Amino acid sequence: QEQFVESGGGLVQPGGSLRLDCAASGRIFSIVMMGWYRQAPGKQRELVATISTTGGSTNYIDSVKGRFTISRDNAKNAVYLQMNSLKPEDTAVYYCNTNPSVARYWGQGTQVSVSS
């Protein structure tokens, strides 16, 4: 059974940076595409960034391109999201999951708040 645990969120000022970590347990991590998702208050959850099984291919939504970087370390069963130049509109709970997502793999997420 796969399980994902997110960490690294917090309160940061606009223009600041955070790195989110996702620790994966289970047997399939290294053979599945992964994604970072976020859900802002009153909005639907959205897919923010994706990464291929080897890490050689990544994709981002337009609003985070050039600011966020997704990466993974299959030896550590981990996926990361480096977030730079954060904006108030990045405020959300961030989750990692497979891509496409699987309902039973959703974790608690980690809160990112961008405010002065």
Protein backbone atom coordinates (compact mmCIF):
# COMPACT_ATOMS: atom_id res chain seq x y z
CA GLN A 1 0.00 0.00 0.00
CA GLU A 2 1.48 3.30 -1.08
CA GLN A 3 1.51 6.18 1.37
CA PHE A 4 2.72 9.72 0.86
CA VAL A 5 3.66 12.12 3.66
CA GLU A 6 4.19 15.78 2.82
CA SER A 7 6.27 18.25 4.82
CA GLY A 8 8.06 21.56 4.50
CA GLY A 9 5.20 24.01 4.35
CA GLY A 10 4.97 27.18 6.38
CA LEU A 11 4.36 30.90 6.39
CA VAL A 12 6.57 32.91 4.07
CA GLN A 13 6.60 36.48 2.79
CA PRO A 14 5.97 37.24 -0.87
CA GLY A 15 9.13 36.62 -2.85
CA GLY A 16 10.32 33.98 -0.42
CA SER A 17 11.13 30.32 -0.97
CA LEU A 18 10.13 26.96 0.44
CA ARG A 19 11.00 23.38 -0.37
CA LEU A 20 8.33 20.76 0.04
CA ASP A 21 9.25 17.14 0.64
CA CYS A 22 7.15 14.07 -0.03
CA ALA A 23 8.21 10.79 1.54
CA ALA A 24 6.78 7.72 -0.13
CA SER A 25 6.40 4.25 1.28
CA GLY A 26 5.41 1.19 -0.68
CA ARG A 27 6.74 -0.67 -3.68
CA ILE A 28 5.66 1.24 -6.71
CA PHE A 29 7.19 4.68 -6.20
CA SER A 30 10.06 4.30 -8.65
CA ILE A 31 7.80 3.11 -11.46
CA VAL A 32 5.04 5.71 -11.31
CA MET A 33 4.81 9.26 -12.49
CA MET A 34 4.38 11.68 -9.61
CA GLY A 35 2.76 15.03 -9.17
CA TRP A 36 2.40 17.90 -6.73
CA TYR A 37 -1.12 19.19 -6.29
CA ARG A 38 -2.58 22.09 -4.35
CA GLN A 39 -5.93 23.18 -3.06
CA ALA A 40 -6.59 26.78 -2.15
CA PRO A 41 -9.51 27.78 0.09
CA GLY A 42 -12.78 27.58 -1.81
CA LYS A 43 -11.15 26.12 -4.91
CA GLN A 44 -10.77 22.70 -6.45
CA ARG A 45 -7.54 20.81 -6.10
CA GLU A 46 -5.26 21.35 -9.07
CA LEU A 47 -2.22 19.60 -10.47
CA VAL A 48 0.75 21.95 -10.23
CA ALA A 49 3.73 19.95 -11.43
CA THR A 50 4.48 16.47 -12.72
CA ILE A 51 7.59 14.38 -13.08
CA SER A 52 8.32 11.22 -15.02
CA THR A 53 9.50 7.99 -13.43
CA THR A 54 13.17 8.79 -14.01
CA GLY A 55 12.88 12.51 -13.42
CA GLY A 56 13.89 13.29 -16.96
CA SER A 57 10.64 14.98 -17.89
CA THR A 58 8.74 17.60 -15.94
CA ASN A 59 5.71 19.76 -16.57
CA TYR A 60 4.18 22.76 -14.81
CA ILE A 61 1.06 24.83 -14.92
CA ASP A 62 1.65 28.23 -16.44
CA SER A 63 1.28 30.15 -13.19
CA VAL A 64 4.31 28.44 -11.59
CA LYS A 65 6.61 28.00 -14.58
CA GLY A 66 10.02 29.48 -13.91
CA ARG A 67 9.35 29.63 -10.16
CA PHE A 68 8.74 26.02 -9.09
CA THR A 69 10.95 22.98 -9.69
CA ILE A 70 9.86 19.40 -9.15
CA SER A 71 12.45 16.68 -8.63
CA ARG A 72 12.64 13.15 -7.29
CA ASP A 73 15.12 10.76 -5.72
CA ASN A 74 14.03 7.19 -6.35
CA ALA A 75 16.75 5.83 -4.07
CA LYS A 76 15.18 7.75 -1.20
CA ASN A 77 11.57 7.27 -2.29
CA ALA A 78 11.10 11.03 -2.27
CA VAL A 79 9.79 13.79 -4.46
CA TYR A 80 10.42 17.47 -3.89
CA LEU A 81 8.98 20.82 -4.90
CA GLN A 82 11.28 23.81 -4.74
CA MET A 83 9.18 26.97 -4.74
CA ASN A 84 10.81 30.33 -5.34
CA SER A 85 9.41 33.84 -5.78
CA LEU A 86 6.29 32.83 -3.92
CA LYS A 87 3.13 34.87 -4.39
CA PRO A 88 0.03 35.21 -2.20
CA GLU A 89 -1.91 33.25 -4.81
CA ASP A 90 0.34 30.24 -4.12
CA THR A 91 -1.30 29.93 -0.70
CA ALA A 92 -2.82 26.46 -0.50
CA VAL A 93 -2.50 23.02 0.99
CA TYR A 94 0.02 21.10 -1.11
CA TYR A 95 -0.18 17.35 -1.71
CA CYS A 96 1.84 14.78 -3.58
CA ASN A 97 0.27 11.82 -5.32
CA THR A 98 0.78 9.70 -8.35
CA ASN A 99 -0.06 11.16 -11.74
CA PRO A 100 -2.83 10.51 -12.43
CA SER A 101 -3.84 10.66 -8.79
CA VAL A 102 -5.25 7.74 -6.85
CA ALA A 103 -7.88 8.60 -4.27
CA ARG A 104 -6.62 6.31 -1.53
CA TYR A 105 -3.11 7.82 -1.72
CA TRP A 106 -4.07 11.34 -0.61
CA GLY A 107 -2.23 12.35 2.55
CA GLN A 108 -2.75 15.25 4.94
CA GLY A 109 -0.85 17.69 2.80
CA THR A 110 1.27 20.59 3.97
CA GLN A 111 0.03 24.16 4.33
CA VAL A 112 1.82 26.90 2.43
CA SER A 113 0.84 30.45 3.32
CA VAL A 114 2.30 33.44 1.50
CA SER A 115 1.59 36.72 3.21
CA SER A 116 3.29 39.87 4.36
